[in-house]
Amino acid sequence: MRISTFLFSIAALVALAGVFLMYTRPAFMVMLAEQLWACF
């Protein structure tokens, strides 16, 4: 039980780090804003 919690925590941290790295790229932010704007 403890190992699965540890693995889940590691996976969550890796996912959050990946999202953080994507937000540091201006081109990604522009693309995200354009996709959001296209919904309206």
N, C-alpha and C. Protein backbone atom coordinates (compact mmCIF):
# COMPACT_ATOMS: atom_id res chain seq x y z
N MET A 1 0.83 -1.19 0.00
CA MET A 1 0.00 0.00 0.00
C MET A 1 0.87 1.25 0.00
N ARG A 2 1.94 1.21 0.76
CA ARG A 2 2.79 2.39 0.86
C ARG A 2 3.56 2.66 -0.43
N ILE A 3 3.95 1.59 -1.13
CA ILE A 3 4.69 1.76 -2.38
C ILE A 3 3.80 2.37 -3.45
N SER A 4 2.53 1.97 -3.51
CA SER A 4 1.64 2.54 -4.51
C SER A 4 1.40 4.02 -4.26
N THR A 5 1.32 4.42 -3.01
CA THR A 5 1.17 5.84 -2.69
C THR A 5 2.42 6.61 -3.11
N PHE A 6 3.58 6.02 -2.88
CA PHE A 6 4.84 6.65 -3.28
C PHE A 6 4.91 6.80 -4.80
N LEU A 7 4.55 5.76 -5.53
CA LEU A 7 4.58 5.81 -6.99
C LEU A 7 3.58 6.83 -7.52
N PHE A 8 2.41 6.90 -6.91
CA PHE A 8 1.41 7.88 -7.33
C PHE A 8 1.93 9.29 -7.09
N SER A 9 2.60 9.51 -5.97
CA SER A 9 3.16 10.83 -5.67
C SER A 9 4.23 11.22 -6.69
N ILE A 10 5.09 10.27 -7.03
CA ILE A 10 6.13 10.53 -8.02
C ILE A 10 5.51 10.84 -9.38
N ALA A 11 4.49 10.08 -9.77
CA ALA A 11 3.83 10.31 -11.06
C ALA A 11 3.17 11.69 -11.09
N ALA A 12 2.55 12.08 -9.98
CA ALA A 12 1.91 13.39 -9.91
C ALA A 12 2.95 14.51 -10.00
N LEU A 13 4.07 14.35 -9.34
CA LEU A 13 5.13 15.36 -9.41
C LEU A 13 5.72 15.48 -10.81
N VAL A 14 5.88 14.37 -11.49
CA VAL A 14 6.39 14.40 -12.86
C VAL A 14 5.40 15.10 -13.78
N ALA A 15 4.11 14.81 -13.61
CA ALA A 15 3.09 15.46 -14.42
C ALA A 15 3.06 16.96 -14.16
N LEU A 16 3.14 17.36 -12.91
CA LEU A 16 3.14 18.79 -12.58
C LEU A 16 4.38 19.47 -13.13
N ALA A 17 5.52 18.82 -13.08
CA ALA A 17 6.75 19.40 -13.63
C ALA A 17 6.61 19.58 -15.15
N GLY A 18 6.01 18.60 -15.81
CA GLY A 18 5.80 18.71 -17.25
C GLY A 18 4.88 19.87 -17.61
N VAL A 19 3.82 20.04 -16.85
CA VAL A 19 2.91 21.16 -17.09
C VAL A 19 3.62 22.48 -16.85
N PHE A 20 4.41 22.55 -15.78
CA PHE A 20 5.15 23.78 -15.48
C PHE A 20 6.10 24.11 -16.62
N LEU A 21 6.79 23.12 -17.16
CA LEU A 21 7.72 23.37 -18.26
C LEU A 21 7.00 23.85 -19.52
N MET A 22 5.80 23.33 -19.75
CA MET A 22 5.05 23.78 -20.92
C MET A 22 4.61 25.24 -20.77
N TYR A 23 4.29 25.66 -19.56
CA TYR A 23 3.87 27.04 -19.34
C TYR A 23 5.01 28.03 -19.49
N THR A 24 6.26 27.57 -19.47
CA THR A 24 7.39 28.47 -19.64
C THR A 24 7.68 28.74 -21.11
N ARG A 25 6.95 28.06 -21.99
CA ARG A 25 7.16 28.25 -23.43
C ARG A 25 6.09 29.21 -23.96
N PRO A 26 6.48 30.38 -24.45
CA PRO A 26 5.50 31.37 -24.93
C PRO A 26 4.62 30.85 -26.07
N ALA A 27 5.18 30.05 -26.98
CA ALA A 27 4.39 29.54 -28.09
C ALA A 27 3.25 28.65 -27.60
N PHE A 28 3.52 27.88 -26.56
CA PHE A 28 2.47 27.03 -26.00
C PHE A 28 1.36 27.87 -25.39
N MET A 29 1.76 28.95 -24.70
CA MET A 29 0.76 29.81 -24.08
C MET A 29 -0.12 30.47 -25.14
N VAL A 30 0.47 30.89 -26.26
CA VAL A 30 -0.31 31.49 -27.35
C VAL A 30 -1.28 30.47 -27.92
N MET A 31 -0.79 29.25 -28.15
CA MET A 31 -1.65 28.20 -28.70
C MET A 31 -2.81 27.89 -27.75
N LEU A 32 -2.51 27.83 -26.46
CA LEU A 32 -3.54 27.55 -25.47
C LEU A 32 -4.59 28.66 -25.45
N ALA A 33 -4.14 29.91 -25.52
CA ALA A 33 -5.07 31.04 -25.54
C ALA A 33 -5.93 31.02 -26.79
N GLU A 34 -5.34 30.68 -27.93
CA GLU A 34 -6.12 30.61 -29.18
C GLU A 34 -7.16 29.49 -29.13
N GLN A 35 -6.81 28.36 -28.56
CA GLN A 35 -7.77 27.27 -28.44
C GLN A 35 -8.91 27.64 -27.48
N LEU A 36 -8.56 28.31 -26.40
CA LEU A 36 -9.58 28.74 -25.46
C LEU A 36 -10.51 29.77 -26.11
N TRP A 37 -9.93 30.69 -26.86
CA TRP A 37 -10.73 31.72 -27.52
C TRP A 37 -11.64 31.10 -28.58
N ALA A 38 -11.20 30.03 -29.23
CA ALA A 38 -11.99 29.38 -30.28
C ALA A 38 -13.26 28.75 -29.70
N CYS A 39 -13.28 28.49 -28.40
CA CYS A 39 -14.48 27.91 -27.79
C CYS A 39 -15.62 28.92 -27.74
N PHE A 40 -15.29 30.21 -27.79
CA PHE A 40 -16.32 31.24 -27.73
C PHE A 40 -16.54 31.79 -29.10
